Amino acid sequence: MHEKKNFKERAKNLIKDIKVIYVALKHPQTPWYAKALAAMTVGYALSPIDLIPDFIPVLGYLDDMIILPAMIALTIKLIPKDVFEQCRAESEKLWTVGKTKKWYYAIPIIIIWIMIILFIIKLIIR
């Protein structure tokens, strides 16, 4: 039971961190490289389409359990601490109803899947 509670708490913290990263993405003192990773992280988190679909056994949850938390952790490390704390305060009001889902965040994932499919087709045709 303790592990389940711990997992739920970590999931809540991930949502809070995504909100902070979203605000930091627009902050003028966030370095460009942190903004680039923040854009990818927020886009991936808010995309209704996963890079690895959830219906694929084991691997389907890889992005939810490993990839996204790793992206969030790396992005947070790249944002200066004072900027991150300012953004944390601003993010408290953001998405009070819950995490938003926008279809345009899925465009990069769709492009990646199209490129993979085209690559496979090219290999088969040879």
Foldseek 3Di string as FASTA:
>chain_A
DVVVVVVVVVVVVLQLLLLLLVLLLPDPPQDPVLNVLNLLLNLQVQEPQHLQDLVPPPVNCCCVPPVNVVSSVVSVVRGDPVSSVVSSVVSPPPPPVGRHHDNVSCVVSVVVVVVVVVVVVVVVVD
